[in-house]
Amino acid sequence: MSTLWSGRFDGGPADALWAFTVSLQFDRRLAPYDVTASIAHVRGLVGAQLVSREEGDVIVVALQRVGEELEAGSFAFAASDEDIHTAIERRVLELAGPAGGKLHTGRSRNDQVATALRLWTKEALDEVAGAALDLADVLAERAADAGDVYLPGYTHLQRAQPVLLAHHLLAHGWALERDVARLLDARGRVDVSPLGAGAIAGSSLPLDPIAVGAELGFAATFENSIDATSDRDFVAETLNNLALLGVHLSRLGEEIALWSSEEFGFLRLADAYATGSSMLPQKKNPDIAELARGKAGRLIGHAAGFLATLKGLPLAYNRDLQEDKEPLFDAVDQALLALRALSGLVATATFDHVRMRAAADSPESAAVDLAEWLVEQGTPFREAHGIVGELVRASIERHVPLAELIEAHPALGSEAVDLLEPGTPVSRRRTHGGTGPPQVASQGRTFAAVRRAARQRLQDG
């Protein structure tokens, strides 16, 4: 088997070596980015007078033809194609003849691969950020529709205080907003061209990496050729950000699974976004929510695994870095699938407002309101906490309604009993960022402005 690097070797590679090192099966998706970068590189060679204008035109036409074949699915791969980059160069040689042999002038696969991967990652980050904003939009829309509906807020998975459904949904939205910000921040660090760094030390040829990087749309160009070819921080950062996004989607999925159970009964799934059982006819399962939880482990594994790959590498390029693509590609794919599926699920789910309110209206839910009412009357909080705690315990142990005990207590009385009225605890949350209706309305407006700014940032690149 003849390869593009076979000049130094007496014979062809062993089958075991080839099977272990070939990456064509997964790096094909870099094809359009490699073609784009190669065309920019050829134009740079023409500008440096290393390739004549006529030769450059021949090579560019060949590259464009290769791009068309790859897009149409008519590209014929050869057994000697080690990766998509060598496959493209081989085909250019076939189409362009001797001129095609100048394509790789002043370039190594080290900077070539890094360039294509950065171009791909820039677009992938935009796509994931856009999908995360779409889910944030759905959550905001459902929050606006929820109005004054409230449900129990939980800590330790125990009922804590009533909160507006809108407030709860927006809490998931703010987590997604931070995910979007991190993804767009990462894009800025991806946006550095490594093309022109060569294998490790740059080139003795009169190349202009800055001009070529600008033609490719990069915001900056590398400053250190060793770092340029060995840097995969952008992959690690993307994987870390996707892992945290996966954790947030997992938390949302966990609540959907809980809320759609008969034990909670807060949410009903649309038929199109639920599955059934092959054995139990009555079942309606939240598979999307469960897979959102499960995929989080996969995303965390990709991030941790790739950091382990990087941790012991000496400068500069090592073949270990080939292990950057499969976790990155898969993480992006899984994040996009999860975001789109959850967007559809949340948009079509039905919230059981009656069940939510009923669960939140237990007298114990107003315990902190009673304590704070006592504080307003001049009672130290720790003492107020103790009074209310004792009353709750007595109500449970003696099977006496809490309202009766409150009315009979000398420090409380009938005025304090009014705090147990349905909906009252929610309306009393007056501080900024709290669950009171005016505060949540203000929060919704702020969240809308933040999302608009993120959309603009995404559009501006």
Protein backbone atom coordinates (compact mmCIF):
# COMPACT_ATOMS: atom_id res chain seq x y z
CA MET A 1 0.00 0.00 0.00
CA SER A 2 1.42 3.37 -1.07
CA THR A 3 0.87 6.34 1.23
CA LEU A 4 1.59 10.06 0.96
CA TRP A 5 4.41 9.63 3.46
CA SER A 6 5.98 6.44 2.09
CA GLY A 7 9.19 7.96 0.69
CA ARG A 8 11.14 7.34 3.90
CA PHE A 9 10.06 3.69 4.13
CA ASP A 10 11.14 0.53 2.35
CA GLY A 11 7.77 -1.14 2.38
CA GLY A 12 4.13 -0.50 3.15
CA PRO A 13 2.58 -0.34 6.62
CA ALA A 14 1.56 -3.52 8.43
CA ASP A 15 -2.14 -4.32 8.43
CA ALA A 16 -2.24 -4.07 12.22
CA LEU A 17 -0.66 -0.61 12.16
CA TRP A 18 -3.10 0.56 9.51
CA ALA A 19 -6.14 -0.79 11.32
CA PHE A 20 -5.06 0.87 14.57
CA THR A 21 -4.10 4.29 13.19
CA VAL A 22 -6.58 4.97 10.38
CA SER A 23 -9.10 7.69 11.25
CA LEU A 24 -11.06 8.05 8.01
CA GLN A 25 -14.11 6.36 9.51
CA PHE A 26 -14.75 9.28 11.85
CA ASP A 27 -12.91 12.32 10.49
CA ARG A 28 -14.84 12.43 7.20
CA ARG A 29 -17.04 15.16 8.62
CA LEU A 30 -14.04 17.50 8.48
CA ALA A 31 -13.99 17.25 4.68
CA PRO A 32 -15.60 20.61 3.77
CA TYR A 33 -13.43 22.43 6.30
CA ASP A 34 -10.27 20.81 4.96
CA VAL A 35 -11.23 21.78 1.40
CA THR A 36 -11.90 25.38 2.48
CA ALA A 37 -8.60 25.60 4.36
CA SER A 38 -6.71 24.00 1.48
CA ILE A 39 -8.06 26.56 -0.99
CA ALA A 40 -6.96 29.39 1.30
CA HIS A 41 -3.55 27.73 1.64
CA VAL A 42 -3.16 27.48 -2.16
CA ARG A 43 -4.02 31.15 -2.55
CA GLY A 44 -1.39 31.91 0.05
CA LEU A 45 1.14 29.89 -1.93
CA VAL A 46 0.25 31.87 -5.05
CA GLY A 47 0.67 35.12 -3.10
CA ALA A 48 4.09 33.95 -1.94
CA GLN A 49 4.99 33.09 -5.55
CA LEU A 50 5.63 29.48 -4.56
CA VAL A 51 2.92 28.36 -6.96
CA SER A 52 2.13 30.09 -10.25
CA ARG A 53 -1.30 31.61 -10.71
CA GLU A 54 -2.08 29.04 -13.40
CA GLU A 55 -1.03 26.15 -11.14
CA GLY A 56 -3.02 27.65 -8.31
CA ASP A 57 -6.14 27.84 -10.45
CA VAL A 58 -5.73 24.18 -11.41
CA ILE A 59 -5.36 23.10 -7.78
CA VAL A 60 -8.31 25.21 -6.61
CA VAL A 61 -10.55 23.81 -9.35
CA ALA A 62 -9.48 20.30 -8.32
CA LEU A 63 -10.24 21.06 -4.67
CA GLN A 64 -13.66 22.44 -5.61
CA ARG A 65 -14.34 19.29 -7.62
CA VAL A 66 -13.32 17.16 -4.63
CA GLY A 67 -15.69 19.16 -2.43
CA GLU A 68 -18.54 18.55 -4.85
CA GLU A 69 -17.81 14.83 -5.00
CA LEU A 70 -17.71 14.55 -1.24
CA GLU A 71 -20.97 16.46 -0.86
CA ALA A 72 -22.69 14.37 -3.53
CA GLY A 73 -21.41 11.11 -2.05
CA SER A 74 -19.64 10.16 -5.26
CA PHE A 75 -16.10 10.51 -3.89
CA ALA A 76 -14.24 7.22 -4.35
CA PHE A 77 -12.12 6.45 -1.32
CA ALA A 78 -8.98 4.34 -1.74
CA ALA A 79 -7.49 1.73 0.55
CA SER A 80 -4.49 4.03 1.08
CA ASP A 81 -6.61 6.88 2.44
CA GLU A 82 -5.40 7.17 6.02
CA ASP A 83 -7.69 10.07 6.90
CA ILE A 84 -9.88 12.58 5.13
CA HIS A 85 -6.95 14.94 4.63
CA THR A 86 -4.80 12.43 2.76
CA ALA A 87 -7.86 11.27 0.82
CA ILE A 88 -8.48 14.80 -0.42
CA GLU A 89 -4.84 15.34 -1.35
CA ARG A 90 -4.72 12.02 -3.21
CA ARG A 91 -7.74 12.96 -5.27
CA VAL A 92 -6.32 16.42 -5.99
CA LEU A 93 -3.19 14.75 -7.35
CA GLU A 94 -5.37 12.64 -9.63
CA LEU A 95 -7.29 15.64 -10.89
CA ALA A 96 -4.59 18.32 -11.01
CA GLY A 97 -1.64 16.26 -12.12
CA PRO A 98 1.86 17.60 -11.31
CA ALA A 99 0.44 20.89 -10.02
CA GLY A 100 -1.42 18.96 -7.35
CA GLY A 101 1.92 17.89 -5.90
CA LYS A 102 2.42 21.48 -4.72
CA LEU A 103 -0.72 21.54 -2.55
CA HIS A 104 1.10 20.47 0.61
CA THR A 105 3.94 22.97 0.20
CA GLY A 106 4.74 24.63 3.52
CA ARG A 107 2.06 22.66 5.32
CA SER A 108 2.01 19.69 7.69
CA ARG A 109 -0.89 17.49 8.59
CA ASN A 110 -0.29 18.83 12.10
CA ASP A 111 -1.41 22.38 11.29
CA GLN A 112 -3.77 21.16 8.56
CA VAL A 113 -5.81 18.95 10.90
CA ALA A 114 -5.83 21.54 13.67
CA THR A 115 -7.15 24.15 11.24
CA ALA A 116 -10.00 21.97 9.95
CA LEU A 117 -10.95 20.93 13.48
CA ARG A 118 -11.04 24.53 14.69
CA LEU A 119 -13.24 25.55 11.76
CA TRP A 120 -15.61 22.66 12.53
CA THR A 121 -15.67 23.43 16.24
CA LYS A 122 -16.52 27.08 15.67
CA GLU A 123 -19.64 26.09 13.77
CA ALA A 124 -20.50 23.33 16.25
CA LEU A 125 -20.35 25.74 19.19
CA ASP A 126 -22.70 28.10 17.39
CA GLU A 127 -25.12 25.27 16.64
CA VAL A 128 -25.19 23.98 20.22
CA ALA A 129 -25.51 27.50 21.63
CA GLY A 130 -28.43 28.14 19.28
CA ALA A 131 -30.15 24.92 20.33
CA ALA A 132 -29.63 25.77 24.01
CA LEU A 133 -31.19 29.19 23.42
CA ASP A 134 -34.12 27.50 21.71
CA LEU A 135 -34.75 25.41 24.84
CA ALA A 136 -34.37 28.53 26.99
CA ASP A 137 -37.00 30.21 24.79
CA VAL A 138 -39.37 27.28 25.33
CA LEU A 139 -38.89 27.46 29.09
CA ALA A 140 -39.53 31.21 29.02
CA GLU A 141 -42.69 30.74 26.96
CA ARG A 142 -44.02 28.09 29.33
CA ALA A 143 -43.15 30.34 32.28
CA ALA A 144 -45.12 33.22 30.74
CA ASP A 145 -48.08 30.88 30.13
CA ALA A 146 -48.00 29.62 33.73
CA GLY A 147 -49.25 32.89 35.18
CA ASP A 148 -49.88 32.68 38.93
CA VAL A 149 -49.71 28.87 39.15
CA TYR A 150 -47.54 27.69 42.02
CA LEU A 151 -46.19 24.38 43.28
CA PRO A 152 -44.03 23.17 46.13
CA GLY A 153 -40.40 24.18 45.91
CA TYR A 154 -38.13 21.43 47.16
CA THR A 155 -34.89 21.20 49.08
CA HIS A 156 -33.46 17.77 49.86
CA LEU A 157 -36.42 16.55 47.74
CA GLN A 158 -38.66 17.58 50.66
CA ARG A 159 -41.31 20.25 50.29
CA ALA A 160 -39.80 23.57 51.36
CA GLN A 161 -41.73 26.65 50.21
CA PRO A 162 -44.30 27.32 47.50
CA VAL A 163 -42.85 28.89 44.36
CA LEU A 164 -44.39 30.07 41.13
CA LEU A 165 -44.15 27.52 38.32
CA ALA A 166 -42.75 30.35 36.21
CA HIS A 167 -40.00 30.92 38.76
CA HIS A 168 -39.08 27.23 38.73
CA LEU A 169 -38.99 27.00 34.93
CA LEU A 170 -36.87 30.14 34.67
CA ALA A 171 -34.36 28.61 37.10
CA HIS A 172 -33.62 25.99 34.44
CA GLY A 173 -33.50 28.77 31.85
CA TRP A 174 -30.82 30.71 33.73
CA ALA A 175 -28.63 27.59 33.86
CA LEU A 176 -28.95 27.30 30.09
CA GLU A 177 -28.10 30.98 29.71
CA ARG A 178 -24.80 30.36 31.49
CA ASP A 179 -24.18 27.37 29.23
CA VAL A 180 -24.68 29.56 26.17
CA ALA A 181 -22.31 32.20 27.55
CA ARG A 182 -19.64 29.57 28.17
CA LEU A 183 -20.03 28.10 24.68
CA LEU A 184 -19.71 31.52 23.07
CA ASP A 185 -16.75 32.40 25.27
CA ALA A 186 -15.08 29.16 24.17
CA ARG A 187 -15.70 30.05 20.55
CA GLY A 188 -13.46 33.07 20.99
CA ARG A 189 -10.58 30.84 22.05
CA VAL A 190 -11.23 28.45 19.17
CA ASP A 191 -11.08 31.34 16.72
CA VAL A 192 -7.29 31.27 16.25
CA SER A 193 -5.74 30.00 13.02
CA PRO A 194 -2.94 27.42 13.36
CA LEU A 195 -2.36 27.21 9.61
CA GLY A 196 1.25 28.05 8.79
CA ALA A 197 2.70 26.55 11.95
CA GLY A 198 3.83 23.53 9.94
CA ALA A 199 4.85 20.40 11.79
CA ILE A 200 6.26 22.28 14.79
CA ALA A 201 8.55 25.20 13.84
CA GLY A 202 6.90 27.15 11.05
CA SER A 203 8.49 27.34 7.61
CA SER A 204 11.50 28.78 5.80
CA LEU A 205 9.19 29.60 2.90
CA PRO A 206 7.77 33.14 2.53
CA LEU A 207 4.29 32.21 3.79
CA ASP A 208 1.85 34.67 5.36
CA PRO A 209 -0.10 32.79 8.08
CA ILE A 210 -1.85 35.97 9.22
CA ALA A 211 -3.32 36.69 5.78
CA VAL A 212 -4.38 33.07 5.27
CA GLY A 213 -5.97 32.94 8.72
CA ALA A 214 -7.90 36.14 7.99
CA GLU A 215 -9.12 34.72 4.68
CA LEU A 216 -10.47 31.71 6.58
CA GLY A 217 -12.40 34.02 8.87
CA PHE A 218 -10.30 33.48 11.99
CA ALA A 219 -10.18 36.38 14.42
CA ALA A 220 -6.51 35.79 15.22
CA THR A 221 -3.46 33.78 14.19
CA PHE A 222 -1.14 31.68 16.34
CA GLU A 223 1.84 33.31 18.03
CA ASN A 224 3.81 30.13 18.78
CA SER A 225 4.09 27.34 16.23
CA ILE A 226 4.75 24.68 18.87
CA ASP A 227 1.64 25.64 20.79
CA ALA A 228 -0.41 25.94 17.60
CA THR A 229 0.10 22.33 16.57
CA SER A 230 -0.16 20.78 20.03
CA ASP A 231 -2.97 22.89 21.53
CA ARG A 232 -6.23 21.04 22.10
CA ASP A 233 -7.42 23.24 24.94
CA PHE A 234 -10.29 24.26 22.71
CA VAL A 235 -11.43 20.64 22.47
CA ALA A 236 -11.12 20.10 26.21
CA GLU A 237 -12.95 23.35 26.96
CA THR A 238 -15.75 22.47 24.56
CA LEU A 239 -16.09 19.02 26.10
CA ASN A 240 -16.14 20.50 29.61
CA ASN A 241 -18.80 23.01 28.62
CA LEU A 242 -20.90 20.29 26.98
CA ALA A 243 -20.53 18.13 30.07
CA LEU A 244 -21.88 20.93 32.27
CA LEU A 245 -24.67 21.55 29.77
CA GLY A 246 -25.41 17.82 30.00
CA VAL A 247 -25.60 18.07 33.78
CA HIS A 248 -28.17 20.87 33.50
CA LEU A 249 -30.22 18.87 31.01
CA SER A 250 -29.98 15.88 33.34
CA ARG A 251 -31.42 17.93 36.21
CA LEU A 252 -34.30 19.04 34.01
CA GLY A 253 -34.80 15.45 32.90
CA GLU A 254 -34.85 14.23 36.49
CA GLU A 255 -37.61 16.66 37.38
CA ILE A 256 -39.65 15.74 34.32
CA ALA A 257 -39.36 12.06 35.26
CA LEU A 258 -40.48 12.85 38.82
CA TRP A 259 -43.23 15.28 37.88
CA SER A 260 -44.74 12.94 35.28
CA SER A 261 -45.00 10.07 37.78
CA GLU A 262 -48.37 9.37 39.39
CA GLU A 263 -46.81 10.09 42.78
CA PHE A 264 -46.22 13.72 41.78
CA GLY A 265 -48.71 14.12 38.95
CA PHE A 266 -47.55 17.64 38.13
CA LEU A 267 -46.97 17.04 34.41
CA ARG A 268 -48.44 14.99 31.57
CA LEU A 269 -46.34 14.17 28.53
CA ALA A 270 -47.64 14.61 25.01
CA ASP A 271 -47.97 11.28 23.22
CA ALA A 272 -45.42 12.33 20.60
CA TYR A 273 -42.77 12.84 23.28
CA ALA A 274 -43.39 9.72 25.38
CA THR A 275 -42.95 6.00 24.83
CA GLY A 276 -44.90 2.93 25.89
CA SER A 277 -44.12 -0.47 27.29
CA SER A 278 -43.84 -3.62 25.22
CA MET A 279 -45.52 -5.52 28.07
CA LEU A 280 -47.52 -3.07 30.20
CA PRO A 281 -50.33 -1.46 28.18
CA GLN A 282 -50.98 1.35 30.68
CA LYS A 283 -47.45 2.78 30.66
CA LYS A 284 -46.43 6.18 29.34
CA ASN A 285 -42.71 6.56 29.87
CA PRO A 286 -40.53 9.72 29.96
CA ASP A 287 -37.70 8.23 27.89
CA ILE A 288 -36.42 11.60 26.67
CA ALA A 289 -36.03 12.80 30.25
CA GLU A 290 -34.33 9.58 31.28
CA LEU A 291 -31.93 9.64 28.35
CA ALA A 292 -31.10 13.26 29.16
CA ARG A 293 -29.92 11.96 32.53
CA GLY A 294 -28.05 9.07 30.97
CA LYS A 295 -26.34 11.11 28.27
CA ALA A 296 -24.88 13.38 30.95
CA GLY A 297 -22.66 10.52 32.09
CA ARG A 298 -21.50 10.03 28.53
CA LEU A 299 -20.64 13.72 28.16
CA ILE A 300 -18.82 13.79 31.50
CA GLY A 301 -16.88 10.70 30.40
CA HIS A 302 -15.78 12.37 27.17
CA ALA A 303 -14.49 15.41 29.06
CA ALA A 304 -12.66 13.41 31.71
CA GLY A 305 -11.26 10.93 29.21
CA PHE A 306 -9.84 13.58 26.93
CA LEU A 307 -8.19 15.43 29.80
CA ALA A 308 -6.52 12.15 30.71
CA THR A 309 -5.30 11.87 27.11
CA LEU A 310 -3.74 15.33 27.26
CA LYS A 311 -2.18 15.21 30.70
CA GLY A 312 1.09 13.42 29.89
CA LEU A 313 1.89 14.68 26.40
CA PRO A 314 5.23 16.37 25.73
CA LEU A 315 5.32 19.20 23.21
CA ALA A 316 4.47 19.29 20.39
CA TYR A 317 2.23 17.06 18.25
CA ASN A 318 1.71 13.44 19.29
CA ARG A 319 -0.57 10.92 17.63
CA ASP A 320 -2.52 10.72 20.90
CA LEU A 321 -4.20 13.92 19.71
CA GLN A 322 -6.08 11.90 17.12
CA GLU A 323 -8.27 10.94 20.08
CA ASP A 324 -9.72 14.46 20.13
CA LYS A 325 -12.27 13.96 17.38
CA GLU A 326 -14.47 11.05 18.37
CA PRO A 327 -15.38 12.40 21.82
CA LEU A 328 -15.84 15.91 20.44
CA PHE A 329 -18.03 14.81 17.54
CA ASP A 330 -20.11 12.54 19.75
CA ALA A 331 -20.51 15.11 22.52
CA VAL A 332 -21.79 17.71 20.07
CA ASP A 333 -24.14 15.19 18.46
CA GLN A 334 -25.57 14.01 21.78
CA ALA A 335 -25.98 17.54 23.14
CA LEU A 336 -27.88 18.62 20.05
CA LEU A 337 -30.13 15.55 20.14
CA ALA A 338 -30.91 16.12 23.83
CA LEU A 339 -31.60 19.84 23.45
CA ARG A 340 -33.97 19.36 20.54
CA ALA A 341 -35.83 16.46 22.14
CA LEU A 342 -36.24 18.29 25.45
CA SER A 343 -37.41 21.42 23.65
CA GLY A 344 -40.21 19.45 22.04
CA LEU A 345 -41.09 17.68 25.28
CA VAL A 346 -41.30 20.85 27.36
CA ALA A 347 -43.20 22.75 24.66
CA THR A 348 -45.92 20.09 24.43
CA ALA A 349 -46.21 18.94 28.06
CA THR A 350 -49.31 19.74 30.10
CA PHE A 351 -48.88 21.03 33.63
CA ASP A 352 -51.51 20.00 36.16
CA HIS A 353 -52.11 23.32 37.87
CA VAL A 354 -54.68 21.96 40.30
CA ARG A 355 -52.37 19.18 41.48
CA MET A 356 -49.47 21.60 41.86
CA ARG A 357 -51.44 24.10 43.91
CA ALA A 358 -52.92 21.40 46.11
CA ALA A 359 -49.46 20.02 46.88
CA ALA A 360 -48.18 23.49 47.79
CA ASP A 361 -51.10 24.51 50.01
CA SER A 362 -50.34 22.38 53.07
CA PRO A 363 -50.24 24.57 56.20
CA GLU A 364 -46.64 23.51 56.90
CA SER A 365 -45.57 25.26 53.69
CA ALA A 366 -46.20 28.59 55.44
CA ALA A 367 -43.92 27.77 58.40
CA VAL A 368 -41.20 30.25 57.45
CA ASP A 369 -43.86 32.92 56.82
CA LEU A 370 -45.10 32.42 60.35
CA ALA A 371 -41.55 32.77 61.68
CA GLU A 372 -40.97 35.91 59.62
CA TRP A 373 -44.30 37.35 60.77
CA LEU A 374 -43.10 36.88 64.35
CA VAL A 375 -39.83 38.62 63.42
CA GLU A 376 -41.86 41.58 62.15
CA GLN A 377 -43.52 41.69 65.59
CA GLY A 378 -40.09 41.95 67.22
CA THR A 379 -39.35 38.30 68.03
CA PRO A 380 -35.73 37.20 67.41
CA PHE A 381 -35.64 34.86 64.44
CA ARG A 382 -34.11 31.93 66.32
CA GLU A 383 -36.88 32.16 68.91
CA ALA A 384 -39.52 32.48 66.18
CA HIS A 385 -38.08 29.46 64.42
CA GLY A 386 -38.39 27.46 67.62
CA ILE A 387 -42.00 28.51 68.25
CA VAL A 388 -43.17 27.54 64.79
CA GLY A 389 -41.16 24.30 64.77
CA GLU A 390 -42.78 23.24 68.05
CA LEU A 391 -46.24 24.01 66.68
CA VAL A 392 -45.62 21.94 63.53
CA ARG A 393 -44.38 19.04 65.63
CA ALA A 394 -47.38 19.26 67.95
CA SER A 395 -49.76 19.35 65.00
CA ILE A 396 -48.25 16.17 63.56
CA GLU A 397 -47.94 14.26 66.82
CA ARG A 398 -51.32 15.28 68.29
CA HIS A 399 -53.20 15.21 64.94
CA VAL A 400 -54.46 18.73 65.54
CA PRO A 401 -54.80 21.16 62.61
CA LEU A 402 -51.92 23.61 62.58
CA ALA A 403 -54.35 26.52 62.21
CA GLU A 404 -55.97 25.71 65.57
CA LEU A 405 -52.62 25.72 67.33
CA ILE A 406 -51.59 28.99 65.68
CA GLU A 407 -54.81 30.71 66.64
CA ALA A 408 -54.45 29.57 70.25
CA HIS A 409 -50.82 30.62 70.57
CA PRO A 410 -50.40 33.93 72.46
CA ALA A 411 -47.67 35.19 70.12
CA LEU A 412 -49.62 34.39 66.95
CA GLY A 413 -53.41 34.33 66.88
CA SER A 414 -56.00 34.78 64.14
CA GLU A 415 -53.98 37.33 62.15
CA ALA A 416 -51.20 34.81 61.75
CA VAL A 417 -53.68 32.13 60.66
CA ASP A 418 -54.34 34.19 57.53
CA LEU A 419 -50.80 33.35 56.41
CA LEU A 420 -51.98 29.78 55.78
CA GLU A 421 -54.40 30.87 53.08
CA PRO A 422 -53.65 29.27 49.67
CA GLY A 423 -51.27 31.37 47.61
CA THR A 424 -50.35 33.73 50.42
CA PRO A 425 -46.80 32.46 51.01
CA VAL A 426 -45.94 32.96 47.33
CA SER A 427 -47.29 36.51 47.29
CA ARG A 428 -45.20 37.43 50.35
CA ARG A 429 -41.82 36.82 48.66
CA ARG A 430 -40.91 40.43 47.90
CA THR A 431 -37.11 40.45 47.54
CA HIS A 432 -35.28 40.77 44.25
CA GLY A 433 -34.98 37.46 42.44
CA GLY A 434 -37.59 35.82 44.66
CA THR A 435 -40.77 34.01 43.69
CA GLY A 436 -43.24 36.86 44.28
CA PRO A 437 -45.33 37.60 41.16
CA PRO A 438 -43.93 41.12 40.55
CA GLN A 439 -40.39 39.85 41.04
CA VAL A 440 -40.94 36.94 38.63
CA ALA A 441 -42.47 39.28 36.05
CA SER A 442 -39.39 41.49 36.29
CA GLN A 443 -37.16 38.43 36.07
CA GLY A 444 -38.93 37.34 32.89
CA ARG A 445 -38.21 40.70 31.27
CA THR A 446 -34.56 40.50 32.28
CA PHE A 447 -34.29 36.95 30.99
CA ALA A 448 -35.78 38.02 27.65
CA ALA A 449 -33.20 40.80 27.34
CA VAL A 450 -30.36 38.41 28.18
CA ARG A 451 -31.56 35.95 25.54
CA ARG A 452 -31.80 38.70 22.94
CA ALA A 453 -28.24 39.76 23.70
CA ALA A 454 -27.06 36.16 23.42
CA ARG A 455 -28.82 35.76 20.05
CA GLN A 456 -27.15 38.95 18.84
CA ARG A 457 -23.78 37.75 20.05
CA LEU A 458 -24.34 34.44 18.27
CA GLN A 459 -25.31 36.22 15.08
CA ASP A 460 -22.36 38.60 15.21
CA GLY A 461 -19.91 35.72 15.58
